[in-house]
Amino acid sequence: MEALYAITVGMLTACSIYLILRGRSFPIVIGITMLSYAVNLFLFSTGRLVLNQLPIIGNQENYTDPLPQALVLTAIVIGFAMTAYSIILAVRVRGELGTDEVNDPSPVDDEGQR
C-alpha cells in the first residue's frame, strides 16, 4: 500500500511540475492545485498509514496521528481559496491583456495584433 501511495504522490508531483512549466496561465493554476494535492497526500502519509485504528494515543500499540489530518484539512480550505483567487486573477489578466501567455505580457488590440 505504501508503494502505491508513494507512486501516486510522485505522479501528481511530476504532472504538476509539467503543467507549471507551461506558458499559459490556466495550466499553471491547475499545476499549482495538483501540487497542493500532492503535498496534502504527503502530509497525510506522515501520520502513519494504519487502517481501522483510533486517532487517540491510548492502550493500543498502533494509532493514527491526528495532527497531519488537521493540517491537511486546513490546507484543503486554504488551497481552495487560493485556487479560486488564482482563477479569478487569470481570467482578469486574460480580459485586460487579451492573451493568457505568461512569458509575453504585451497587450493585444481588437484586431489581434500585438
Protein backbone atom coordinates (compact mmCIF):
# COMPACT_ATOMS: atom_id res chain seq x y z
CA MET A 1 0.00 0.00 0.00
CA GLU A 2 2.86 2.37 0.77
CA ALA A 3 4.40 1.85 -2.68
CA LEU A 4 1.13 2.68 -4.42
CA TYR A 5 0.73 5.74 -2.23
CA ALA A 6 4.29 6.91 -2.99
CA ILE A 7 3.81 6.35 -6.74
CA THR A 8 0.57 8.36 -6.63
CA VAL A 9 2.26 11.27 -4.85
CA GLY A 10 5.19 11.11 -7.28
CA MET A 11 2.94 11.08 -10.35
CA LEU A 12 0.90 14.01 -9.03
CA THR A 13 4.10 15.94 -8.40
CA ALA A 14 5.53 15.15 -11.85
CA CYS A 15 2.31 16.12 -13.65
CA SER A 16 2.02 19.33 -11.65
CA ILE A 17 5.60 20.36 -12.42
CA TYR A 18 4.95 19.73 -16.12
CA LEU A 19 1.83 21.92 -16.02
CA ILE A 20 3.56 24.67 -14.03
CA LEU A 21 6.30 24.90 -16.67
CA ARG A 22 3.76 25.55 -19.45
CA GLY A 23 3.46 29.05 -20.88
CA ARG A 24 -0.23 29.63 -20.26
CA SER A 25 -1.94 30.78 -17.09
CA PHE A 26 -4.70 28.14 -16.78
CA PRO A 27 -2.35 25.11 -16.88
CA ILE A 28 -0.21 26.87 -14.27
CA VAL A 29 -3.22 27.22 -11.97
CA ILE A 30 -4.12 23.55 -12.47
CA GLY A 31 -0.48 22.56 -11.85
CA ILE A 32 -0.30 24.51 -8.61
CA THR A 33 -3.57 22.93 -7.49
CA MET A 34 -2.27 19.43 -8.29
CA LEU A 35 0.96 20.20 -6.41
CA SER A 36 -1.06 21.22 -3.36
CA TYR A 37 -2.94 17.89 -3.59
CA ALA A 38 0.39 16.03 -3.72
CA VAL A 39 1.67 17.92 -0.67
CA ASN A 40 -1.60 17.18 1.16
CA LEU A 41 -1.23 13.47 0.45
CA PHE A 42 2.39 13.58 1.60
CA LEU A 43 1.41 15.34 4.84
CA PHE A 44 -1.40 12.84 5.37
CA SER A 45 1.04 9.94 4.99
CA THR A 46 3.27 11.32 7.75
CA GLY A 47 0.58 10.34 10.27
CA ARG A 48 1.23 6.63 9.56
CA LEU A 49 -0.87 4.64 7.15
CA VAL A 50 -2.79 2.48 9.62
CA LEU A 51 -6.24 1.06 8.88
CA ASN A 52 -9.07 0.70 11.41
CA GLN A 53 -7.22 2.37 14.29
CA LEU A 54 -8.31 5.19 16.55
CA PRO A 55 -6.59 8.58 16.25
CA ILE A 56 -6.03 8.60 20.01
CA ILE A 57 -2.94 7.59 21.93
CA GLY A 58 -4.11 5.12 24.50
CA ASN A 59 -3.99 1.42 25.15
CA GLN A 60 -3.38 0.48 21.51
CA GLU A 61 0.07 -0.20 20.11
CA ASN A 62 -0.71 1.28 16.66
CA TYR A 63 -2.51 4.57 16.42
CA THR A 64 -3.11 7.23 13.80
CA ASP A 65 -1.60 10.65 14.45
CA PRO A 66 -4.40 13.28 14.28
CA LEU A 67 -2.07 16.26 13.69
CA PRO A 68 -1.42 15.59 9.95
CA GLN A 69 -5.15 15.13 9.44
CA ALA A 70 -5.82 18.56 10.96
CA LEU A 71 -3.04 20.11 8.87
CA VAL A 72 -4.42 18.59 5.67
CA LEU A 73 -7.94 19.77 6.46
CA THR A 74 -6.64 23.31 6.95
CA ALA A 75 -4.53 23.08 3.78
CA ILE A 76 -7.56 21.97 1.75
CA VAL A 77 -9.53 25.05 2.81
CA ILE A 78 -6.63 27.42 2.14
CA GLY A 79 -5.85 25.69 -1.17
CA PHE A 80 -9.45 26.05 -2.35
CA ALA A 81 -9.43 29.77 -1.56
CA MET A 82 -6.09 30.30 -3.33
CA THR A 83 -7.25 28.33 -6.37
CA ALA A 84 -10.38 30.46 -6.65
CA TYR A 85 -8.31 33.64 -6.33
CA SER A 86 -5.80 32.42 -8.94
CA ILE A 87 -8.55 31.60 -11.42
CA ILE A 88 -10.17 35.00 -10.95
CA LEU A 89 -6.79 36.68 -11.41
CA ALA A 90 -6.05 34.65 -14.57
CA VAL A 91 -9.46 35.49 -16.06
CA ARG A 92 -8.96 39.18 -15.32
CA VAL A 93 -5.49 39.23 -16.88
CA ARG A 94 -6.87 37.42 -19.94
CA GLY A 95 -9.61 40.05 -20.24
CA GLU A 96 -7.26 43.00 -19.79
CA LEU A 97 -4.38 41.84 -21.98
CA GLY A 98 -6.26 39.67 -24.46
CA THR A 99 -3.82 36.78 -24.00
CA ASP A 100 -3.03 34.25 -21.34
CA GLU A 101 0.64 33.86 -22.21
CA VAL A 102 2.76 34.15 -19.09
CA ASN A 103 6.07 34.98 -20.77
CA ASP A 104 4.80 37.69 -23.14
CA PRO A 105 2.58 40.16 -21.28
CA SER A 106 2.27 42.63 -24.18
CA PRO A 107 -1.39 43.53 -24.76
CA VAL A 108 -3.30 42.55 -27.89
CA ASP A 109 -5.51 45.10 -29.66
CA ASP A 110 -9.02 44.48 -31.03
CA GLU A 111 -7.68 43.03 -34.32
CA GLY A 112 -5.44 40.51 -32.58
CA GLN A 113 -2.19 42.41 -33.25
CA ARG A 114 0.50 42.98 -30.60
